[in-house]
Amino acid sequence: MSKTVSLRKTIRKNDGPQSTATTEKTSPSASPAPSPTPSYDELVRKEARLRSEQIDEIARLRRRLNSARNAAEKPLPAEQRSPSLQDHVITRAAITYLLENADAIDGWTEEGILESLRRLKG
């Protein structure tokens, strides 16, 4: 068992801390503010299988968001700029949206769940 713990510590150490700090603008009528973004060490590793086109689209979205962030923060000193967005941050945001709307979701398949999410969009 000590090998497993040691391996986990090694994996975490090699992965390094990754900041996921984001800034959000909320209106007074918006849902309550989410809890602060947990630190890297507070996150639990969970593997997911994605389709290749999903991976490609998430990467495109990440590049677009990072490009917009870079343009907006260009006049700021380096120490005030936010860290680069990473794919896993986008994935966690999507999961949070899914869970925030859990009461409106139905369906027993990926397609059924997706259709109920699309109905939310309007």
N, C-alpha and C. Protein backbone atom coordinates (compact mmCIF):
# COMPACT_ATOMS: atom_id res chain seq x y z
N MET A 1 0.82 -1.19 0.00
CA MET A 1 0.00 0.00 0.00
C MET A 1 0.86 1.25 0.00
N SER A 2 2.00 1.21 0.63
CA SER A 2 2.87 2.38 0.64
C SER A 2 3.36 2.71 -0.77
N LYS A 3 3.47 1.70 -1.63
CA LYS A 3 3.87 1.97 -3.01
C LYS A 3 2.81 2.80 -3.72
N THR A 4 1.53 2.48 -3.47
CA THR A 4 0.45 3.24 -4.10
C THR A 4 0.47 4.69 -3.65
N VAL A 5 0.60 4.90 -2.36
CA VAL A 5 0.65 6.26 -1.84
C VAL A 5 1.85 7.00 -2.43
N SER A 6 2.98 6.32 -2.44
CA SER A 6 4.19 6.92 -2.98
C SER A 6 4.00 7.27 -4.46
N LEU A 7 3.37 6.37 -5.22
CA LEU A 7 3.13 6.61 -6.63
C LEU A 7 2.20 7.80 -6.82
N ARG A 8 1.15 7.88 -6.01
CA ARG A 8 0.23 9.01 -6.12
C ARG A 8 0.93 10.32 -5.82
N LYS A 9 1.77 10.32 -4.80
CA LYS A 9 2.51 11.54 -4.48
C LYS A 9 3.42 11.92 -5.63
N THR A 10 4.05 10.92 -6.24
CA THR A 10 4.94 11.17 -7.38
C THR A 10 4.16 11.72 -8.55
N ILE A 11 3.00 11.14 -8.83
CA ILE A 11 2.19 11.61 -9.95
C ILE A 11 1.76 13.04 -9.70
N ARG A 12 1.25 13.33 -8.52
CA ARG A 12 0.83 14.70 -8.22
C ARG A 12 2.00 15.67 -8.30
N LYS A 13 3.13 15.25 -7.76
CA LYS A 13 4.31 16.11 -7.78
C LYS A 13 4.73 16.40 -9.21
N ASN A 14 4.68 15.37 -10.07
CA ASN A 14 5.09 15.56 -11.46
C ASN A 14 4.06 16.35 -12.26
N ASP A 15 2.78 16.22 -11.90
CA ASP A 15 1.76 16.98 -12.61
C ASP A 15 1.87 18.46 -12.29
N GLY A 16 2.31 18.76 -11.07
CA GLY A 16 2.47 20.15 -10.65
C GLY A 16 1.14 20.83 -10.41
N PRO A 17 1.15 21.86 -9.59
CA PRO A 17 -0.09 22.58 -9.35
C PRO A 17 -0.50 23.37 -10.58
N GLN A 18 -1.78 23.39 -10.82
CA GLN A 18 -2.29 24.12 -11.95
C GLN A 18 -3.40 25.02 -11.45
N SER A 19 -3.27 26.28 -11.68
CA SER A 19 -4.28 27.22 -11.22
C SER A 19 -5.45 27.21 -12.17
N THR A 20 -6.64 27.25 -11.62
CA THR A 20 -7.85 27.29 -12.43
C THR A 20 -8.68 28.51 -12.08
N ALA A 21 -8.04 29.53 -11.57
CA ALA A 21 -8.76 30.72 -11.16
C ALA A 21 -9.45 31.36 -12.36
N THR A 22 -10.70 31.73 -12.16
CA THR A 22 -11.45 32.39 -13.21
C THR A 22 -12.15 33.59 -12.60
N THR A 23 -12.50 34.51 -13.44
CA THR A 23 -13.29 35.62 -12.98
C THR A 23 -14.65 35.52 -13.63
N GLU A 24 -15.69 35.74 -12.84
CA GLU A 24 -17.04 35.65 -13.36
C GLU A 24 -17.79 36.91 -13.00
N LYS A 25 -18.60 37.36 -13.95
CA LYS A 25 -19.49 38.49 -13.69
C LYS A 25 -20.87 37.90 -13.53
N THR A 26 -21.52 38.20 -12.42
CA THR A 26 -22.85 37.69 -12.19
C THR A 26 -23.80 38.84 -11.96
N SER A 27 -25.02 38.66 -12.41
CA SER A 27 -26.03 39.66 -12.17
C SER A 27 -26.72 39.33 -10.86
N PRO A 28 -27.41 40.30 -10.28
CA PRO A 28 -28.09 40.04 -9.01
C PRO A 28 -29.11 38.91 -9.12
N SER A 29 -29.70 38.69 -10.31
CA SER A 29 -30.70 37.65 -10.46
C SER A 29 -30.08 36.29 -10.77
N ALA A 30 -28.77 36.24 -10.93
CA ALA A 30 -28.09 34.97 -11.24
C ALA A 30 -28.14 34.06 -10.03
N SER A 31 -27.90 32.78 -10.28
CA SER A 31 -27.88 31.81 -9.19
C SER A 31 -26.77 32.15 -8.21
N PRO A 32 -26.84 31.60 -7.01
CA PRO A 32 -25.81 31.92 -6.02
C PRO A 32 -24.41 31.66 -6.56
N ALA A 33 -23.47 32.44 -6.09
CA ALA A 33 -22.09 32.31 -6.56
C ALA A 33 -21.55 30.93 -6.22
N PRO A 34 -20.86 30.30 -7.17
CA PRO A 34 -20.29 28.99 -6.89
C PRO A 34 -19.20 29.10 -5.83
N SER A 35 -18.93 27.97 -5.21
CA SER A 35 -17.87 27.98 -4.21
C SER A 35 -16.55 28.29 -4.91
N PRO A 36 -15.58 28.82 -4.18
CA PRO A 36 -14.30 29.16 -4.81
C PRO A 36 -13.68 27.95 -5.51
N THR A 37 -12.96 28.21 -6.56
CA THR A 37 -12.31 27.13 -7.30
C THR A 37 -11.33 26.41 -6.39
N PRO A 38 -11.47 25.09 -6.29
CA PRO A 38 -10.56 24.35 -5.40
C PRO A 38 -9.14 24.34 -5.95
N SER A 39 -8.20 24.18 -5.05
CA SER A 39 -6.81 24.09 -5.49
C SER A 39 -6.59 22.73 -6.15
N TYR A 40 -5.53 22.63 -6.88
CA TYR A 40 -5.21 21.39 -7.61
C TYR A 40 -5.21 20.18 -6.68
N ASP A 41 -4.63 20.31 -5.49
CA ASP A 41 -4.54 19.19 -4.57
C ASP A 41 -5.89 18.78 -3.99
N GLU A 42 -6.89 19.64 -4.06
CA GLU A 42 -8.21 19.31 -3.55
C GLU A 42 -9.07 18.58 -4.59
N LEU A 43 -8.63 18.57 -5.83
CA LEU A 43 -9.39 17.91 -6.89
C LEU A 43 -9.14 16.41 -6.87
N VAL A 44 -10.16 15.66 -7.29
CA VAL A 44 -10.06 14.21 -7.35
C VAL A 44 -9.92 13.81 -8.81
N ARG A 45 -8.98 12.94 -9.08
CA ARG A 45 -8.76 12.48 -10.45
C ARG A 45 -9.90 11.57 -10.89
N LYS A 46 -10.46 11.83 -12.06
CA LYS A 46 -11.53 11.01 -12.62
C LYS A 46 -11.29 10.92 -14.12
N GLU A 47 -11.15 9.72 -14.59
CA GLU A 47 -10.91 9.52 -16.02
C GLU A 47 -12.23 9.51 -16.77
N ALA A 48 -12.23 10.06 -17.97
CA ALA A 48 -13.40 10.04 -18.83
C ALA A 48 -12.97 9.71 -20.24
N ARG A 49 -13.82 9.01 -20.94
CA ARG A 49 -13.54 8.69 -22.34
C ARG A 49 -14.32 9.66 -23.21
N LEU A 50 -13.59 10.34 -24.09
CA LEU A 50 -14.19 11.33 -24.97
C LEU A 50 -13.97 10.93 -26.42
N ARG A 51 -14.86 11.39 -27.29
CA ARG A 51 -14.67 11.16 -28.72
C ARG A 51 -13.61 12.13 -29.23
N SER A 52 -12.92 11.74 -30.27
CA SER A 52 -11.83 12.57 -30.79
C SER A 52 -12.32 13.94 -31.22
N GLU A 53 -13.52 14.02 -31.80
CA GLU A 53 -14.04 15.33 -32.21
C GLU A 53 -14.35 16.20 -30.99
N GLN A 54 -14.73 15.60 -29.86
CA GLN A 54 -14.95 16.37 -28.64
C GLN A 54 -13.63 16.96 -28.14
N ILE A 55 -12.60 16.16 -28.17
CA ILE A 55 -11.27 16.62 -27.75
C ILE A 55 -10.81 17.78 -28.63
N ASP A 56 -11.01 17.63 -29.94
CA ASP A 56 -10.62 18.68 -30.88
C ASP A 56 -11.41 19.97 -30.64
N GLU A 57 -12.71 19.85 -30.39
CA GLU A 57 -13.55 21.03 -30.17
C GLU A 57 -13.22 21.72 -28.85
N ILE A 58 -12.92 20.94 -27.81
CA ILE A 58 -12.52 21.53 -26.53
C ILE A 58 -11.21 22.29 -26.71
N ALA A 59 -10.28 21.72 -27.47
CA ALA A 59 -9.00 22.40 -27.72
C ALA A 59 -9.21 23.69 -28.50
N ARG A 60 -10.12 23.68 -29.50
CA ARG A 60 -10.42 24.90 -30.25
C ARG A 60 -11.01 25.97 -29.33
N LEU A 61 -11.94 25.55 -28.47
CA LEU A 61 -12.57 26.48 -27.52
C LEU A 61 -11.51 27.06 -26.58
N ARG A 62 -10.64 26.21 -26.06
CA ARG A 62 -9.57 26.67 -25.16
C ARG A 62 -8.69 27.70 -25.85
N ARG A 63 -8.29 27.42 -27.09
CA ARG A 63 -7.44 28.36 -27.82
C ARG A 63 -8.15 29.70 -28.05
N ARG A 64 -9.45 29.63 -28.39
CA ARG A 64 -10.22 30.86 -28.61
C ARG A 64 -10.33 31.68 -27.33
N LEU A 65 -10.66 31.01 -26.23
CA LEU A 65 -10.79 31.71 -24.95
C LEU A 65 -9.45 32.28 -24.48
N ASN A 66 -8.38 31.50 -24.63
CA ASN A 66 -7.06 31.99 -24.24
C ASN A 66 -6.63 33.17 -25.10
N SER A 67 -6.95 33.14 -26.38
CA SER A 67 -6.61 34.24 -27.27
C SER A 67 -7.33 35.52 -26.85
N ALA A 68 -8.63 35.38 -26.54
CA ALA A 68 -9.40 36.54 -26.08
C ALA A 68 -8.86 37.05 -24.75
N ARG A 69 -8.52 36.15 -23.85
CA ARG A 69 -7.96 36.54 -22.55
C ARG A 69 -6.64 37.27 -22.75
N ASN A 70 -5.78 36.73 -23.60
CA ASN A 70 -4.48 37.36 -23.86
C ASN A 70 -4.65 38.77 -24.42
N ALA A 71 -5.60 38.94 -25.34
CA ALA A 71 -5.84 40.26 -25.93
C ALA A 71 -6.36 41.24 -24.89
N ALA A 72 -7.26 40.76 -24.02
CA ALA A 72 -7.84 41.64 -23.00
C ALA A 72 -6.83 42.00 -21.93
N GLU A 73 -5.91 41.09 -21.63
CA GLU A 73 -4.97 41.32 -20.54
C GLU A 73 -3.61 41.83 -21.01
N LYS A 74 -3.47 42.07 -22.30
CA LYS A 74 -2.18 42.51 -22.83
C LYS A 74 -1.63 43.76 -22.14
N PRO A 75 -2.47 44.76 -21.84
CA PRO A 75 -1.92 45.95 -21.18
C PRO A 75 -1.53 45.74 -19.71
N LEU A 76 -1.95 44.63 -19.12
CA LEU A 76 -1.65 44.39 -17.70
C LEU A 76 -0.23 43.90 -17.50
N PRO A 77 0.35 44.20 -16.34
CA PRO A 77 1.66 43.61 -16.03
C PRO A 77 1.52 42.10 -15.89
N ALA A 78 2.57 41.38 -16.16
CA ALA A 78 2.54 39.91 -16.17
C ALA A 78 1.98 39.32 -14.89
N GLU A 79 2.32 39.91 -13.73
CA GLU A 79 1.87 39.34 -12.46
C GLU A 79 0.37 39.51 -12.22
N GLN A 80 -0.30 40.34 -13.01
CA GLN A 80 -1.74 40.54 -12.86
C GLN A 80 -2.54 39.72 -13.87
N ARG A 81 -1.88 39.07 -14.79
CA ARG A 81 -2.58 38.29 -15.80
C ARG A 81 -3.02 36.96 -15.22
N SER A 82 -4.15 36.48 -15.70
CA SER A 82 -4.65 35.20 -15.22
C SER A 82 -3.93 34.06 -15.95
N PRO A 83 -3.88 32.89 -15.32
CA PRO A 83 -3.18 31.77 -15.95
C PRO A 83 -3.93 31.26 -17.18
N SER A 84 -3.20 30.60 -18.04
CA SER A 84 -3.82 30.04 -19.24
C SER A 84 -4.89 29.02 -18.87
N LEU A 85 -5.95 29.05 -19.62
CA LEU A 85 -7.04 28.10 -19.44
C LEU A 85 -6.60 26.75 -19.98
N GLN A 86 -7.01 25.68 -19.34
CA GLN A 86 -6.66 24.33 -19.78
C GLN A 86 -7.93 23.53 -20.05
N ASP A 87 -7.81 22.48 -20.84
CA ASP A 87 -8.97 21.68 -21.24
C ASP A 87 -9.77 21.17 -20.05
N HIS A 88 -9.09 20.73 -19.00
CA HIS A 88 -9.81 20.16 -17.86
C HIS A 88 -10.66 21.21 -17.14
N VAL A 89 -10.28 22.49 -17.23
CA VAL A 89 -11.08 23.55 -16.62
C VAL A 89 -12.40 23.69 -17.39
N ILE A 90 -12.34 23.65 -18.70
CA ILE A 90 -13.54 23.72 -19.53
C ILE A 90 -14.44 22.53 -19.25
N THR A 91 -13.86 21.36 -19.11
CA THR A 91 -14.62 20.15 -18.82
C THR A 91 -15.33 20.27 -17.47
N ARG A 92 -14.62 20.76 -16.45
CA ARG A 92 -15.25 20.93 -15.13
C ARG A 92 -16.38 21.96 -15.19
N ALA A 93 -16.21 23.03 -15.97
CA ALA A 93 -17.27 24.03 -16.11
C ALA A 93 -18.51 23.40 -16.75
N ALA A 94 -18.30 22.57 -17.76
CA ALA A 94 -19.43 21.90 -18.42
C ALA A 94 -20.14 20.96 -17.45
N ILE A 95 -19.39 20.25 -16.64
CA ILE A 95 -19.99 19.34 -15.66
C ILE A 95 -20.77 20.13 -14.62
N THR A 96 -20.22 21.27 -14.19
CA THR A 96 -20.92 22.12 -13.23
C THR A 96 -22.25 22.60 -13.81
N TYR A 97 -22.24 23.02 -15.07
CA TYR A 97 -23.49 23.44 -15.74
C TYR A 97 -24.48 22.30 -15.77
N LEU A 98 -24.03 21.13 -16.11
CA LEU A 98 -24.89 19.94 -16.15
C LEU A 98 -25.53 19.71 -14.78
N LEU A 99 -24.73 19.75 -13.74
CA LEU A 99 -25.23 19.47 -12.39
C LEU A 99 -26.13 20.59 -11.87
N GLU A 100 -25.86 21.83 -12.25
CA GLU A 100 -26.73 22.94 -11.85
C GLU A 100 -28.12 22.81 -12.45
N ASN A 101 -28.21 22.12 -13.57
CA ASN A 101 -29.48 21.95 -14.26
C ASN A 101 -30.01 20.52 -14.14
N ALA A 102 -29.56 19.79 -13.15
CA ALA A 102 -29.90 18.38 -13.01
C ALA A 102 -31.41 18.14 -12.90
N ASP A 103 -32.13 19.05 -12.28
CA ASP A 103 -33.58 18.86 -12.11
C ASP A 103 -34.33 18.89 -13.44
N ALA A 104 -33.78 19.56 -14.44
CA ALA A 104 -34.44 19.68 -15.74
C ALA A 104 -33.98 18.62 -16.73
N ILE A 105 -33.08 17.76 -16.31
CA ILE A 105 -32.52 16.76 -17.23
C ILE A 105 -33.26 15.44 -17.08
N ASP A 106 -33.57 14.87 -18.23
CA ASP A 106 -34.12 13.51 -18.25
C ASP A 106 -33.47 12.76 -19.39
N GLY A 107 -33.83 11.55 -19.57
CA GLY A 107 -33.25 10.73 -20.62
C GLY A 107 -32.41 9.61 -20.04
N TRP A 108 -32.33 8.52 -20.78
CA TRP A 108 -31.60 7.35 -20.31
C TRP A 108 -30.38 7.03 -21.16
N THR A 109 -30.15 7.89 -22.16
CA THR A 109 -29.00 7.70 -23.04
C THR A 109 -28.27 9.04 -23.17
N GLU A 110 -27.08 9.01 -23.73
CA GLU A 110 -26.35 10.25 -23.96
C GLU A 110 -27.16 11.20 -24.83
N GLU A 111 -27.81 10.66 -25.86
CA GLU A 111 -28.62 11.48 -26.76
C GLU A 111 -29.81 12.09 -26.03
N GLY A 112 -30.47 11.31 -25.16
CA GLY A 112 -31.62 11.81 -24.42
C GLY A 112 -31.23 12.91 -23.44
N ILE A 113 -30.13 12.72 -22.74
CA ILE A 113 -29.64 13.74 -21.81
C ILE A 113 -29.27 15.00 -22.57
N LEU A 114 -28.59 14.83 -23.68
CA LEU A 114 -28.19 15.98 -24.50
C LEU A 114 -29.42 16.74 -25.01
N GLU A 115 -30.44 16.03 -25.42
CA GLU A 115 -31.66 16.67 -25.89
C GLU A 115 -32.31 17.49 -24.78
N SER A 116 -32.34 16.98 -23.56
CA SER A 116 -32.92 17.75 -22.46
C SER A 116 -32.09 18.99 -22.14
N LEU A 117 -30.77 18.90 -22.30
CA LEU A 117 -29.92 20.09 -22.12
C LEU A 117 -30.18 21.10 -23.23
N ARG A 118 -30.40 20.63 -24.43
CA ARG A 118 -30.71 21.54 -25.54
C ARG A 118 -32.04 22.26 -25.33
N ARG A 119 -33.00 21.59 -24.71
CA ARG A 119 -34.29 22.24 -24.41
C ARG A 119 -34.07 23.38 -23.42
N LEU A 120 -33.13 23.23 -22.49
CA LEU A 120 -32.83 24.31 -21.53
C LEU A 120 -32.33 25.55 -22.26
N LYS A 121 -31.54 25.32 -23.28
CA LYS A 121 -30.95 26.43 -24.03
C LYS A 121 -32.02 27.25 -24.72
N GLY A 122 -33.10 26.59 -25.14
CA GLY A 122 -34.23 27.31 -25.72
C GLY A 122 -34.30 27.29 -27.18
